[in-house]
C-alpha atoms as a PDB file:
ATOM      1  CA  UNK A   1       0.000   0.000   0.000  1.00  0.00           C
ATOM      2  CA  UNK A   2       2.604   2.533   1.108  1.00  0.00           C
ATOM      3  CA  UNK A   3       4.878   1.660  -1.825  1.00  0.00           C
ATOM      4  CA  UNK A   4       2.078   2.429  -4.301  1.00  0.00           C
ATOM      5  CA  UNK A   5       1.422   5.756  -2.567  1.00  0.00           C
ATOM      6  CA  UNK A   6       5.146   6.501  -2.736  1.00  0.00           C
ATOM      7  CA  UNK A   7       5.219   5.785  -6.472  1.00  0.00           C
ATOM      8  CA  UNK A   8       2.231   8.053  -7.057  1.00  0.00           C
ATOM      9  CA  UNK A   9       3.913  10.789  -5.031  1.00  0.00           C
ATOM     10  CA  UNK A  10       7.124  10.412  -7.030  1.00  0.00           C
ATOM     11  CA  UNK A  11       5.229  10.518 -10.314  1.00  0.00           C
ATOM     12  CA  UNK A  12       3.501  13.744  -9.269  1.00  0.00           C
ATOM     13  CA  UNK A  13       6.838  15.286  -8.315  1.00  0.00           C
ATOM     14  CA  UNK A  14       8.365  14.191 -11.609  1.00  0.00           C
ATOM     15  CA  UNK A  15       5.419  15.681 -13.495  1.00  0.00           C
ATOM     16  CA  UNK A  16       5.799  18.969 -11.624  1.00  0.00           C
ATOM     17  CA  UNK A  17       9.511  19.031 -12.433  1.00  0.00           C
ATOM     18  CA  UNK A  18       8.853  18.395 -16.123  1.00  0.00           C
ATOM     19  CA  UNK A  19       6.237  21.145 -16.289  1.00  0.00           C
ATOM     20  CA  UNK A  20       8.564  23.588 -14.532  1.00  0.00           C
ATOM     21  CA  UNK A  21      11.391  22.562 -16.854  1.00  0.00           C
ATOM     22  CA  UNK A  22       9.229  23.234 -19.920  1.00  0.00           C
ATOM     23  CA  UNK A  23       8.009  26.493 -18.415  1.00  0.00           C
ATOM     24  CA  UNK A  24      11.542  27.753 -17.798  1.00  0.00           C
ATOM     25  CA  UNK A  25      13.401  26.491 -20.863  1.00  0.00           C
ATOM     26  CA  UNK A  26      11.046  28.009 -23.451  1.00  0.00           C
ATOM     27  CA  UNK A  27      11.560  31.685 -22.474  1.00  0.00           C
ATOM     28  CA  UNK A  28      15.211  31.033 -21.657  1.00  0.00           C
ATOM     29  CA  UNK A  29      15.811  29.544 -25.101  1.00  0.00           C
ATOM     30  CA  UNK A  30      14.075  32.494 -26.764  1.00  0.00           C
ATOM     31  CA  UNK A  31      16.147  34.902 -24.696  1.00  0.00           C
ATOM     32  CA  UNK A  32      19.382  33.158 -25.658  1.00  0.00           C
ATOM     33  CA  UNK A  33      18.561  33.209 -29.376  1.00  0.00           C
ATOM     34  CA  UNK A  34      17.703  36.911 -29.211  1.00  0.00           C
ATOM     35  CA  UNK A  35      20.968  37.639 -27.399  1.00  0.00           C
ATOM     36  CA  UNK A  36      22.933  35.689 -29.978  1.00  0.00           C
ATOM     37  CA  UNK A  37      21.282  37.594 -32.829  1.00  0.00           C
ATOM     38  CA  UNK A  38      22.445  40.961 -31.488  1.00  0.00           C
END
């Protein structure tokens, strides 16, 4: 029981990390390309 709950918790954390990663890399990538163009 507890192991299943732990896996679910880990999956939620992983999902949050992935969303944050996507959220941060998009603008950062755009910023870097703009800087390079200058």
